[in-house]
Amino acid sequence: MSFLTYTHGAWNPLIWLAALLVIVALVLIFRSRAPGKFKRQKSRGDVFISGNATASAEQIHVPAHNIYWGFFEALKKLFAAIIRPHTGIINDYILWLVGVAGLAMMFILLAG
């Protein structure tokens, strides 16, 4: 039996490994042909706004409470109820996790 014939057809790991090696070789050949003239400049990667200079990040930053104002205003009562139990203390979150897991386990045991 040849190493390329396999009962599962295209799922032969040797074929996938050979294909991966061919792809890697092609990528390395393609990469080696690229010119090595790239120079890092401070201006590269800056935002281009029609050739105009951009303002500082602090001046153009839009806070999320302005973007989502209508969403938060419509759901203000729900968010107030949700935010109240979130104290930021990890012990409280672990207690919630253990409590919910206990309720789920009790439901599973009683149901099945």
PDB file of N, CA and C in Angstrom:
ATOM      1  N   MET A   1       0.841  -1.174   0.000  1.00  0.00           N
ATOM      2  CA  MET A   1       0.000   0.000   0.000  1.00  0.00           C
ATOM      3  C   MET A   1       0.888   1.239   0.000  1.00  0.00           C
ATOM      4  N   SER A   2       0.630   2.149  -0.873  1.00  0.00           N
ATOM      5  CA  SER A   2       1.409   3.374  -0.993  1.00  0.00           C
ATOM      6  C   SER A   2       1.074   4.319   0.157  1.00  0.00           C
ATOM      7  N   PHE A   3       2.018   5.201   0.507  1.00  0.00           N
ATOM      8  CA  PHE A   3       1.769   6.119   1.624  1.00  0.00           C
ATOM      9  C   PHE A   3       0.772   7.212   1.242  1.00  0.00           C
ATOM     10  N   LEU A   4       0.500   7.398  -0.054  1.00  0.00           N
ATOM     11  CA  LEU A   4      -0.463   8.415  -0.468  1.00  0.00           C
ATOM     12  C   LEU A   4      -1.894   7.896  -0.540  1.00  0.00           C
ATOM     13  N   THR A   5      -2.059   6.580  -0.608  1.00  0.00           N
ATOM     14  CA  THR A   5      -3.419   6.051  -0.621  1.00  0.00           C
ATOM     15  C   THR A   5      -3.861   5.857   0.814  1.00  0.00           C
ATOM     16  N   TYR A   6      -5.023   6.336   1.090  1.00  0.00           N
ATOM     17  CA  TYR A   6      -5.545   6.314   2.449  1.00  0.00           C
ATOM     18  C   TYR A   6      -7.041   6.144   2.343  1.00  0.00           C
ATOM     19  N   THR A   7      -7.648   5.462   3.272  1.00  0.00           N
ATOM     20  CA  THR A   7      -9.066   5.156   3.157  1.00  0.00           C
ATOM     21  C   THR A   7      -9.960   6.377   3.316  1.00  0.00           C
ATOM     22  N   HIS A   8      -9.425   7.462   3.867  1.00  0.00           N
ATOM     23  CA  HIS A   8     -10.253   8.641   4.109  1.00  0.00           C
ATOM     24  C   HIS A   8     -10.090   9.700   3.034  1.00  0.00           C
ATOM     25  N   GLY A   9      -9.463   9.405   1.945  1.00  0.00           N
ATOM     26  CA  GLY A   9      -9.358  10.325   0.818  1.00  0.00           C
ATOM     27  C   GLY A   9      -8.538  11.559   1.130  1.00  0.00           C
ATOM     28  N   ALA A  10      -9.171  12.732   1.091  1.00  0.00           N
ATOM     29  CA  ALA A  10      -8.468  14.008   1.208  1.00  0.00           C
ATOM     30  C   ALA A  10      -7.994  14.295   2.629  1.00  0.00           C
ATOM     31  N   TRP A  11      -8.350  13.498   3.579  1.00  0.00           N
ATOM     32  CA  TRP A  11      -7.955  13.771   4.965  1.00  0.00           C
ATOM     33  C   TRP A  11      -6.653  13.084   5.343  1.00  0.00           C
ATOM     34  N   ASN A  12      -5.866  12.711   4.365  1.00  0.00           N
ATOM     35  CA  ASN A  12      -4.581  12.100   4.630  1.00  0.00           C
ATOM     36  C   ASN A  12      -3.630  13.171   5.177  1.00  0.00           C
ATOM     37  N   PRO A  13      -3.104  12.995   6.376  1.00  0.00           N
ATOM     38  CA  PRO A  13      -2.246  14.015   6.964  1.00  0.00           C
ATOM     39  C   PRO A  13      -0.951  14.230   6.187  1.00  0.00           C
ATOM     40  N   LEU A  14      -0.453  13.216   5.503  1.00  0.00           N
ATOM     41  CA  LEU A  14       0.771  13.389   4.722  1.00  0.00           C
ATOM     42  C   LEU A  14       0.533  14.316   3.528  1.00  0.00           C
ATOM     43  N   ILE A  15      -0.640  14.218   2.913  1.00  0.00           N
ATOM     44  CA  ILE A  15      -0.955  15.117   1.803  1.00  0.00           C
ATOM     45  C   ILE A  15      -1.063  16.552   2.311  1.00  0.00           C
ATOM     46  N   TRP A  16      -1.702  16.751   3.458  1.00  0.00           N
ATOM     47  CA  TRP A  16      -1.835  18.103   4.032  1.00  0.00           C
ATOM     48  C   TRP A  16      -0.474  18.665   4.419  1.00  0.00           C
ATOM     49  N   LEU A  17       0.402  17.824   4.967  1.00  0.00           N
ATOM     50  CA  LEU A  17       1.743  18.269   5.333  1.00  0.00           C
ATOM     51  C   LEU A  17       2.540  18.655   4.089  1.00  0.00           C
ATOM     52  N   ALA A  18       2.426  17.863   3.032  1.00  0.00           N
ATOM     53  CA  ALA A  18       3.120  18.182   1.783  1.00  0.00           C
ATOM     54  C   ALA A  18       2.576  19.490   1.197  1.00  0.00           C
ATOM     55  N   ALA A  19       1.254  19.689   1.241  1.00  0.00           N
ATOM     56  CA  ALA A  19       0.658  20.927   0.729  1.00  0.00           C
ATOM     57  C   ALA A  19       1.128  22.128   1.553  1.00  0.00           C
ATOM     58  N   LEU A  20       1.213  21.964   2.860  1.00  0.00           N
ATOM     59  CA  LEU A  20       1.685  23.041   3.729  1.00  0.00           C
ATOM     60  C   LEU A  20       3.133  23.397   3.398  1.00  0.00           C
ATOM     61  N   LEU A  21       3.975  22.398   3.192  1.00  0.00           N
ATOM     62  CA  LEU A  21       5.374  22.657   2.858  1.00  0.00           C
ATOM     63  C   LEU A  21       5.496  23.367   1.510  1.00  0.00           C
ATOM     64  N   VAL A  22       4.684  22.999   0.537  1.00  0.00           N
ATOM     65  CA  VAL A  22       4.708  23.666  -0.765  1.00  0.00           C
ATOM     66  C   VAL A  22       4.274  25.122  -0.609  1.00  0.00           C
ATOM     67  N   ILE A  23       3.230  25.366   0.154  1.00  0.00           N
ATOM     68  CA  ILE A  23       2.750  26.740   0.365  1.00  0.00           C
ATOM     69  C   ILE A  23       3.804  27.571   1.076  1.00  0.00           C
ATOM     70  N   VAL A  24       4.438  27.017   2.097  1.00  0.00           N
ATOM     71  CA  VAL A  24       5.491  27.745   2.814  1.00  0.00           C
ATOM     72  C   VAL A  24       6.650  28.058   1.881  1.00  0.00           C
ATOM     73  N   ALA A  25       7.026  27.089   1.048  1.00  0.00           N
ATOM     74  CA  ALA A  25       8.122  27.322   0.097  1.00  0.00           C
ATOM     75  C   ALA A  25       7.753  28.428  -0.892  1.00  0.00           C
ATOM     76  N   LEU A  26       6.517  28.438  -1.395  1.00  0.00           N
ATOM     77  CA  LEU A  26       6.082  29.485  -2.319  1.00  0.00           C
ATOM     78  C   LEU A  26       6.073  30.857  -1.648  1.00  0.00           C
ATOM     79  N   VAL A  27       5.618  30.916  -0.422  1.00  0.00           N
ATOM     80  CA  VAL A  27       5.601  32.188   0.307  1.00  0.00           C
ATOM     81  C   VAL A  27       7.014  32.700   0.514  1.00  0.00           C
ATOM     82  N   LEU A  28       7.939  31.815   0.892  1.00  0.00           N
ATOM     83  CA  LEU A  28       9.325  32.239   1.099  1.00  0.00           C
ATOM     84  C   LEU A  28       9.974  32.701  -0.201  1.00  0.00           C
ATOM     85  N   ILE A  29       9.682  32.034  -1.310  1.00  0.00           N
ATOM     86  CA  ILE A  29      10.216  32.463  -2.610  1.00  0.00           C
ATOM     87  C   ILE A  29       9.651  33.829  -2.973  1.00  0.00           C
ATOM     88  N   PHE A  30       8.343  34.006  -2.809  1.00  0.00           N
ATOM     89  CA  PHE A  30       7.704  35.284  -3.117  1.00  0.00           C
ATOM     90  C   PHE A  30       8.265  36.394  -2.237  1.00  0.00           C
ATOM     91  N   ARG A  31       8.485  36.099  -0.965  1.00  0.00           N
ATOM     92  CA  ARG A  31       9.003  37.098  -0.022  1.00  0.00           C
ATOM     93  C   ARG A  31      10.448  37.463  -0.344  1.00  0.00           C
ATOM     94  N   SER A  32      11.229  36.509  -0.790  1.00  0.00           N
ATOM     95  CA  SER A  32      12.635  36.788  -1.084  1.00  0.00           C
ATOM     96  C   SER A  32      12.800  37.697  -2.314  1.00  0.00           C
ATOM     97  N   ARG A  33      11.800  37.745  -3.187  1.00  0.00           N
ATOM     98  CA  ARG A  33      11.870  38.575  -4.387  1.00  0.00           C
ATOM     99  C   ARG A  33      11.477  40.023  -4.108  1.00  0.00           C
ATOM    100  N   ALA A  34      10.957  40.323  -2.924  1.00  0.00           N
ATOM    101  CA  ALA A  34      10.518  41.687  -2.608  1.00  0.00           C
ATOM    102  C   ALA A  34      11.733  42.581  -2.391  1.00  0.00           C
ATOM    103  N   PRO A  35      11.628  43.849  -2.798  1.00  0.00           N
ATOM    104  CA  PRO A  35      12.749  44.764  -2.578  1.00  0.00           C
ATOM    105  C   PRO A  35      12.892  45.071  -1.087  1.00  0.00           C
ATOM    106  N   GLY A  36      14.120  45.203  -0.636  1.00  0.00           N
ATOM    107  CA  GLY A  36      14.378  45.460   0.784  1.00  0.00           C
ATOM    108  C   GLY A  36      14.579  46.931   1.076  1.00  0.00           C
ATOM    109  N   LYS A  37      13.848  47.793   0.390  1.00  0.00           N
ATOM    110  CA  LYS A  37      14.059  49.228   0.503  1.00  0.00           C
ATOM    111  C   LYS A  37      13.141  49.896   1.512  1.00  0.00           C
ATOM    112  N   PHE A  38      12.416  49.150   2.300  1.00  0.00           N
ATOM    113  CA  PHE A  38      11.465  49.749   3.231  1.00  0.00           C
ATOM    114  C   PHE A  38      12.199  50.496   4.332  1.00  0.00           C
ATOM    115  N   LYS A  39      11.814  51.749   4.549  1.00  0.00           N
ATOM    116  CA  LYS A  39      12.402  52.565   5.613  1.00  0.00           C
ATOM    117  C   LYS A  39      11.285  53.023   6.529  1.00  0.00           C
ATOM    118  N   ARG A  40      11.463  52.815   7.798  1.00  0.00           N
ATOM    119  CA  ARG A  40      10.462  53.270   8.764  1.00  0.00           C
ATOM    120  C   ARG A  40      10.545  54.774   8.911  1.00  0.00           C
ATOM    121  N   GLN A  41       9.414  55.400   8.765  1.00  0.00           N
ATOM    122  CA  GLN A  41       9.329  56.841   8.949  1.00  0.00           C
ATOM    123  C   GLN A  41       8.243  57.121   9.969  1.00  0.00           C
ATOM    124  N   LYS A  42       8.377  58.243  10.626  1.00  0.00           N
ATOM    125  CA  LYS A  42       7.400  58.590  11.649  1.00  0.00           C
ATOM    126  C   LYS A  42       6.021  58.831  11.045  1.00  0.00           C
ATOM    127  N   SER A  43       5.969  59.381   9.838  1.00  0.00           N
ATOM    128  CA  SER A  43       4.689  59.716   9.233  1.00  0.00           C
ATOM    129  C   SER A  43       3.969  58.507   8.637  1.00  0.00           C
ATOM    130  N   ARG A  44       4.647  57.409   8.457  1.00  0.00           N
ATOM    131  CA  ARG A  44       3.986  56.232   7.897  1.00  0.00           C
ATOM    132  C   ARG A  44       2.963  55.693   8.887  1.00  0.00           C
ATOM    133  N   GLY A  45       1.819  55.354   8.388  1.00  0.00           N
ATOM    134  CA  GLY A  45       0.774  54.798   9.222  1.00  0.00           C
ATOM    135  C   GLY A  45      -0.130  55.845   9.839  1.00  0.00           C
ATOM    136  N   ASP A  46       0.143  57.132   9.564  1.00  0.00           N
ATOM    137  CA  ASP A  46      -0.728  58.184  10.089  1.00  0.00           C
ATOM    138  C   ASP A  46      -2.029  58.208   9.302  1.00  0.00           C
ATOM    139  N   VAL A  47      -3.040  58.767   9.918  1.00  0.00           N
ATOM    140  CA  VAL A  47      -4.327  58.911   9.269  1.00  0.00           C
ATOM    141  C   VAL A  47      -4.212  59.971   8.177  1.00  0.00           C
ATOM    142  N   PHE A  48      -4.761  59.688   7.007  1.00  0.00           N
ATOM    143  CA  PHE A  48      -4.730  60.638   5.912  1.00  0.00           C
ATOM    144  C   PHE A  48      -6.107  61.234   5.742  1.00  0.00           C
ATOM    145  N   ILE A  49      -6.238  62.530   5.987  1.00  0.00           N
ATOM    146  CA  ILE A  49      -7.507  63.225   5.834  1.00  0.00           C
ATOM    147  C   ILE A  49      -7.317  64.297   4.773  1.00  0.00           C
ATOM    148  N   SER A  50      -7.353  63.895   3.521  1.00  0.00           N
ATOM    149  CA  SER A  50      -7.234  64.801   2.372  1.00  0.00           C
ATOM    150  C   SER A  50      -6.013  65.704   2.467  1.00  0.00           C
ATOM    151  N   GLY A  51      -4.945  65.229   3.015  1.00  0.00           N
ATOM    152  CA  GLY A  51      -3.723  66.007   3.104  1.00  0.00           C
ATOM    153  C   GLY A  51      -3.672  66.976   4.263  1.00  0.00           C
ATOM    154  N   ASN A  52      -4.742  67.091   5.014  1.00  0.00           N
ATOM    155  CA  ASN A  52      -4.767  68.001   6.153  1.00  0.00           C
ATOM    156  C   ASN A  52      -4.164  67.330   7.374  1.00  0.00           C
ATOM    157  N   ALA A  53      -3.524  68.125   8.187  1.00  0.00           N
ATOM    158  CA  ALA A  53      -2.956  67.587   9.426  1.00  0.00           C
ATOM    159  C   ALA A  53      -4.092  67.215  10.377  1.00  0.00           C
ATOM    160  N   THR A  54      -3.903  66.105  11.075  1.00  0.00           N
ATOM    161  CA  THR A  54      -4.932  65.673  12.017  1.00  0.00           C
ATOM    162  C   THR A  54      -4.654  66.271  13.382  1.00  0.00           C
ATOM    163  N   ALA A  55      -5.709  66.403  14.161  1.00  0.00           N
ATOM    164  CA  ALA A  55      -5.581  66.919  15.520  1.00  0.00           C
ATOM    165  C   ALA A  55      -5.023  65.819  16.418  1.00  0.00           C
ATOM    166  N   SER A  56      -4.713  66.186  17.635  1.00  0.00           N
ATOM    167  CA  SER A  56      -4.189  65.189  18.575  1.00  0.00           C
ATOM    168  C   SER A  56      -5.298  64.197  18.933  1.00  0.00           C
ATOM    169  N   ALA A  57      -4.901  63.062  19.466  1.00  0.00           N
ATOM    170  CA  ALA A  57      -5.860  62.019  19.796  1.00  0.00           C
ATOM    171  C   ALA A  57      -6.873  62.495  20.826  1.00  0.00           C
ATOM    172  N   GLU A  58      -6.453  63.345  21.749  1.00  0.00           N
ATOM    173  CA  GLU A  58      -7.370  63.845  22.771  1.00  0.00           C
ATOM    174  C   GLU A  58      -8.438  64.746  22.165  1.00  0.00           C
ATOM    175  N   GLN A  59      -8.102  65.474  21.119  1.00  0.00           N
ATOM    176  CA  GLN A  59      -9.057  66.401  20.508  1.00  0.00           C
ATOM    177  C   GLN A  59     -10.071  65.692  19.617  1.00  0.00           C
ATOM    178  N   ILE A  60      -9.684  64.584  18.998  1.00  0.00           N
ATOM    179  CA  ILE A  60     -10.609  63.903  18.095  1.00  0.00           C
ATOM    180  C   ILE A  60     -11.312  62.722  18.749  1.00  0.00           C
ATOM    181  N   HIS A  61     -10.988  62.408  19.989  1.00  0.00           N
ATOM    182  CA  HIS A  61     -11.611  61.287  20.688  1.00  0.00           C
ATOM    183  C   HIS A  61     -13.060  61.627  21.027  1.00  0.00           C
ATOM    184  N   VAL A  62     -13.981  60.746  20.655  1.00  0.00           N
ATOM    185  CA  VAL A  62     -15.387  60.925  20.988  1.00  0.00           C
ATOM    186  C   VAL A  62     -15.722  59.904  22.065  1.00  0.00           C
ATOM    187  N   PRO A  63     -16.103  60.353  23.269  1.00  0.00           N
ATOM    188  CA  PRO A  63     -16.410  59.409  24.341  1.00  0.00           C
ATOM    189  C   PRO A  63     -17.608  58.532  23.988  1.00  0.00           C
ATOM    190  N   ALA A  64     -17.612  57.327  24.498  1.00  0.00           N
ATOM    191  CA  ALA A  64     -18.677  56.379  24.176  1.00  0.00           C
ATOM    192  C   ALA A  64     -20.028  56.849  24.702  1.00  0.00           C
ATOM    193  N   HIS A  65     -20.062  57.607  25.774  1.00  0.00           N
ATOM    194  CA  HIS A  65     -21.366  58.038  26.277  1.00  0.00           C
ATOM    195  C   HIS A  65     -22.033  59.011  25.315  1.00  0.00           C
ATOM    196  N   ASN A  66     -21.275  59.660  24.451  1.00  0.00           N
ATOM    197  CA  ASN A  66     -21.872  60.525  23.434  1.00  0.00           C
ATOM    198  C   ASN A  66     -22.386  59.709  22.253  1.00  0.00           C
ATOM    199  N   ILE A  67     -21.662  58.684  21.862  1.00  0.00           N
ATOM    200  CA  ILE A  67     -22.052  57.877  20.712  1.00  0.00           C
ATOM    201  C   ILE A  67     -23.310  57.073  21.027  1.00  0.00           C
ATOM    202  N   TYR A  68     -23.367  56.483  22.193  1.00  0.00           N
ATOM    203  CA  TYR A  68     -24.467  55.597  22.559  1.00  0.00           C
ATOM    204  C   TYR A  68     -25.470  56.273  23.481  1.00  0.00           C
ATOM    205  N   TRP A  69     -25.592  57.593  23.426  1.00  0.00           N
ATOM    206  CA  TRP A  69     -26.459  58.309  24.345  1.00  0.00           C
ATOM    207  C   TRP A  69     -27.899  57.811  24.268  1.00  0.00           C
ATOM    208  N   GLY A  70     -28.451  57.683  23.076  1.00  0.00           N
ATOM    209  CA  GLY A  70     -29.846  57.254  22.918  1.00  0.00           C
ATOM    210  C   GLY A  70     -30.066  55.845  23.426  1.00  0.00           C
ATOM    211  N   PHE A  71     -29.106  54.978  23.168  1.00  0.00           N
ATOM    212  CA  PHE A  71     -29.208  53.592  23.634  1.00  0.00           C
ATOM    213  C   PHE A  71     -29.245  53.534  25.158  1.00  0.00           C
ATOM    214  N   PHE A  72     -28.309  54.257  25.799  1.00  0.00           N
ATOM    215  CA  PHE A  72     -28.266  54.247  27.261  1.00  0.00           C
ATOM    216  C   PHE A  72     -29.477  54.965  27.863  1.00  0.00           C
ATOM    217  N   GLU A  73     -29.933  56.009  27.231  1.00  0.00           N
ATOM    218  CA  GLU A  73     -31.078  56.752  27.750  1.00  0.00           C
ATOM    219  C   GLU A  73     -32.341  55.896  27.702  1.00  0.00           C
ATOM    220  N   ALA A  74     -32.516  55.133  26.621  1.00  0.00           N
ATOM    221  CA  ALA A  74     -33.701  54.289  26.484  1.00  0.00           C
ATOM    222  C   ALA A  74     -33.688  53.141  27.488  1.00  0.00           C
ATOM    223  N   LEU A  75     -32.506  52.646  27.824  1.00  0.00           N
ATOM    224  CA  LEU A  75     -32.405  51.497  28.729  1.00  0.00           C
ATOM    225  C   LEU A  75     -31.844  51.883  30.098  1.00  0.00           C
ATOM    226  N   LYS A  76     -32.058  53.129  30.514  1.00  0.00           N
ATOM    227  CA  LYS A  76     -31.489  53.628  31.760  1.00  0.00           C
ATOM    228  C   LYS A  76     -31.927  52.800  32.973  1.00  0.00           C
ATOM    229  N   LYS A  77     -33.182  52.430  33.055  1.00  0.00           N
ATOM    230  CA  LYS A  77     -33.681  51.658  34.205  1.00  0.00           C
ATOM    231  C   LYS A  77     -33.046  50.270  34.252  1.00  0.00           C
ATOM    232  N   LEU A  78     -32.927  49.640  33.085  1.00  0.00           N
ATOM    233  CA  LEU A  78     -32.304  48.314  33.033  1.00  0.00           C
ATOM    234  C   LEU A  78     -30.842  48.385  33.452  1.00  0.00           C
ATOM    235  N   PHE A  79     -30.112  49.377  32.930  1.00  0.00           N
ATOM    236  CA  PHE A  79     -28.701  49.501  33.281  1.00  0.00           C
ATOM    237  C   PHE A  79     -28.506  49.816  34.756  1.00  0.00           C
ATOM    238  N   ALA A  80     -29.399  50.615  35.346  1.00  0.00           N
ATOM    239  CA  ALA A  80     -29.291  50.919  36.773  1.00  0.00           C
ATOM    240  C   ALA A  80     -29.443  49.646  37.595  1.00  0.00           C
ATOM    241  N   ALA A  81     -30.363  48.777  37.186  1.00  0.00           N
ATOM    242  CA  ALA A  81     -30.565  47.520  37.914  1.00  0.00           C
ATOM    243  C   ALA A  81     -29.398  46.558  37.710  1.00  0.00           C
ATOM    244  N   ILE A  82     -28.793  46.586  36.540  1.00  0.00           N
ATOM    245  CA  ILE A  82     -27.674  45.677  36.255  1.00  0.00           C
ATOM    246  C   ILE A  82     -26.387  46.160  36.917  1.00  0.00           C
ATOM    247  N   ILE A  83     -26.163  47.460  36.922  1.00  0.00           N
ATOM    248  CA  ILE A  83     -24.911  48.009  37.445  1.00  0.00           C
ATOM    249  C   ILE A  83     -24.840  47.903  38.963  1.00  0.00           C
ATOM    250  N   ARG A  84     -25.967  47.978  39.636  1.00  0.00           N
ATOM    251  CA  ARG A  84     -25.989  47.955  41.103  1.00  0.00           C
ATOM    252  C   ARG A  84     -25.259  46.747  41.709  1.00  0.00           C
ATOM    253  N   PRO A  85     -25.499  45.487  41.256  1.00  0.00           N
ATOM    254  CA  PRO A  85     -24.797  44.359  41.878  1.00  0.00           C
ATOM    255  C   PRO A  85     -23.335  44.206  41.454  1.00  0.00           C
ATOM    256  N   HIS A  86     -22.887  44.950  40.456  1.00  0.00           N
ATOM    257  CA  HIS A  86     -21.505  44.831  39.995  1.00  0.00           C
ATOM    258  C   HIS A  86     -20.610  45.745  40.827  1.00  0.00           C
ATOM    259  N   THR A  87     -19.962  45.136  41.815  1.00  0.00           N
ATOM    260  CA  THR A  87     -19.136  45.908  42.736  1.00  0.00           C
ATOM    261  C   THR A  87     -17.690  46.007  42.273  1.00  0.00           C
ATOM    262  N   GLY A  88     -17.259  45.099  41.413  1.00  0.00           N
ATOM    263  CA  GLY A  88     -15.876  45.086  40.973  1.00  0.00           C
ATOM    264  C   GLY A  88     -14.990  44.228  41.864  1.00  0.00           C
ATOM    265  N   ILE A  89     -15.548  43.616  42.877  1.00  0.00           N
ATOM    266  CA  ILE A  89     -14.790  42.756  43.787  1.00  0.00           C
ATOM    267  C   ILE A  89     -14.898  41.325  43.265  1.00  0.00           C
ATOM    268  N   ILE A  90     -13.784  40.670  43.084  1.00  0.00           N
ATOM    269  CA  ILE A  90     -13.759  39.332  42.484  1.00  0.00           C
ATOM    270  C   ILE A  90     -14.523  38.320  43.340  1.00  0.00           C
ATOM    271  N   ASN A  91     -14.520  38.496  44.645  1.00  0.00           N
ATOM    272  CA  ASN A  91     -15.249  37.567  45.518  1.00  0.00           C
ATOM    273  C   ASN A  91     -16.741  37.563  45.208  1.00  0.00           C
ATOM    274  N   ASP A  92     -17.295  38.721  44.876  1.00  0.00           N
ATOM    275  CA  ASP A  92     -18.713  38.781  44.528  1.00  0.00           C
ATOM    276  C   ASP A  92     -18.994  38.028  43.238  1.00  0.00           C
ATOM    277  N   TYR A  93     -18.108  38.166  42.264  1.00  0.00           N
ATOM    278  CA  TYR A  93     -18.301  37.466  40.995  1.00  0.00           C
ATOM    279  C   TYR A  93     -18.179  35.952  41.174  1.00  0.00           C
ATOM    280  N   ILE A  94     -17.255  35.512  42.003  1.00  0.00           N
ATOM    281  CA  ILE A  94     -17.111  34.079  42.271  1.00  0.00           C
ATOM    282  C   ILE A  94     -18.356  33.557  42.984  1.00  0.00           C
ATOM    283  N   LEU A  95     -18.892  34.344  43.917  1.00  0.00           N
ATOM    284  CA  LEU A  95     -20.112  33.946  44.614  1.00  0.00           C
ATOM    285  C   LEU A  95     -21.268  33.789  43.625  1.00  0.00           C
ATOM    286  N   TRP A  96     -21.404  34.730  42.674  1.00  0.00           N
ATOM    287  CA  TRP A  96     -22.442  34.621  41.646  1.00  0.00           C
ATOM    288  C   TRP A  96     -22.216  33.373  40.786  1.00  0.00           C
ATOM    289  N   LEU A  97     -20.967  33.113  40.435  1.00  0.00           N
ATOM    290  CA  LEU A  97     -20.647  31.943  39.620  1.00  0.00           C
ATOM    291  C   LEU A  97     -21.010  30.646  40.336  1.00  0.00           C
ATOM    292  N   VAL A  98     -20.631  30.531  41.597  1.00  0.00           N
ATOM    293  CA  VAL A  98     -20.931  29.328  42.374  1.00  0.00           C
ATOM    294  C   VAL A  98     -22.441  29.191  42.566  1.00  0.00           C
ATOM    295  N   GLY A  99     -23.123  30.302  42.833  1.00  0.00           N
ATOM    296  CA  GLY A  99     -24.573  30.253  43.028  1.00  0.00           C
ATOM    297  C   GLY A  99     -25.314  29.822  41.776  1.00  0.00           C
ATOM    298  N   VAL A 100     -24.950  30.394  40.636  1.00  0.00           N
ATOM    299  CA  VAL A 100     -25.617  30.024  39.381  1.00  0.00           C
ATOM    300  C   VAL A 100     -25.282  28.583  39.009  1.00  0.00           C
ATOM    301  N   ALA A 101     -24.043  28.158  39.212  1.00  0.00           N
ATOM    302  CA  ALA A 101     -23.666  26.772  38.926  1.00  0.00           C
ATOM    303  C   ALA A 101     -24.428  25.816  39.842  1.00  0.00           C
ATOM    304  N   GLY A 102     -24.616  26.196  41.118  1.00  0.00           N
ATOM    305  CA  GLY A 102     -25.388  25.368  42.046  1.00  0.00           C
ATOM    306  C   GLY A 102     -26.842  25.252  41.626  1.00  0.00           C
ATOM    307  N   LEU A 103     -27.442  26.364  41.212  1.00  0.00           N
ATOM    308  CA  LEU A 103     -28.827  26.323  40.747  1.00  0.00           C
ATOM    309  C   LEU A 103     -28.954  25.470  39.488  1.00  0.00           C
ATOM    310  N   ALA A 104     -27.994  25.598  38.576  1.00  0.00           N
ATOM    311  CA  ALA A 104     -28.025  24.796  37.357  1.00  0.00           C
ATOM    312  C   ALA A 104     -27.879  23.312  37.688  1.00  0.00           C
ATOM    313  N   MET A 105     -26.997  22.982  38.604  1.00  0.00           N
ATOM    314  CA  MET A 105     -26.806  21.578  38.994  1.00  0.00           C
ATOM    315  C   MET A 105     -28.059  21.025  39.665  1.00  0.00           C
ATOM    316  N   MET A 106     -28.682  21.839  40.513  1.00  0.00           N
ATOM    317  CA  MET A 106     -29.905  21.403  41.178  1.00  0.00           C
ATOM    318  C   MET A 106     -31.015  21.173  40.142  1.00  0.00           C
ATOM    319  N   PHE A 107     -31.126  22.070  39.180  1.00  0.00           N
ATOM    320  CA  PHE A 107     -32.131  21.904  38.122  1.00  0.00           C
ATOM    321  C   PHE A 107     -31.860  20.645  37.307  1.00  0.00           C
ATOM    322  N   ILE A 108     -30.600  20.380  36.981  1.00  0.00           N
ATOM    323  CA  ILE A 108     -30.251  19.188  36.202  1.00  0.00           C
ATOM    324  C   ILE A 108     -30.570  17.925  36.988  1.00  0.00           C
ATOM    325  N   LEU A 109     -30.246  17.902  38.275  1.00  0.00           N
ATOM    326  CA  LEU A 109     -30.488  16.711  39.087  1.00  0.00           C
ATOM    327  C   LEU A 109     -31.982  16.465  39.284  1.00  0.00           C
ATOM    328  N   LEU A 110     -32.756  17.541  39.477  1.00  0.00           N
ATOM    329  CA  LEU A 110     -34.197  17.383  39.679  1.00  0.00           C
ATOM    330  C   LEU A 110     -34.918  17.023  38.377  1.00  0.00           C
ATOM    331  N   ALA A 111     -34.432  17.533  37.266  1.00  0.00           N
ATOM    332  CA  ALA A 111     -35.101  17.284  35.987  1.00  0.00           C
ATOM    333  C   ALA A 111     -34.773  15.897  35.418  1.00  0.00           C
ATOM    334  N   GLY A 112     -33.613  15.394  35.720  1.00  0.00           N
ATOM    335  CA  GLY A 112     -33.231  14.142  35.053  1.00  0.00           C
ATOM    336  C   GLY A 112     -32.846  13.105  35.999  1.00  0.00           C
TER     337      GLY A 112
END
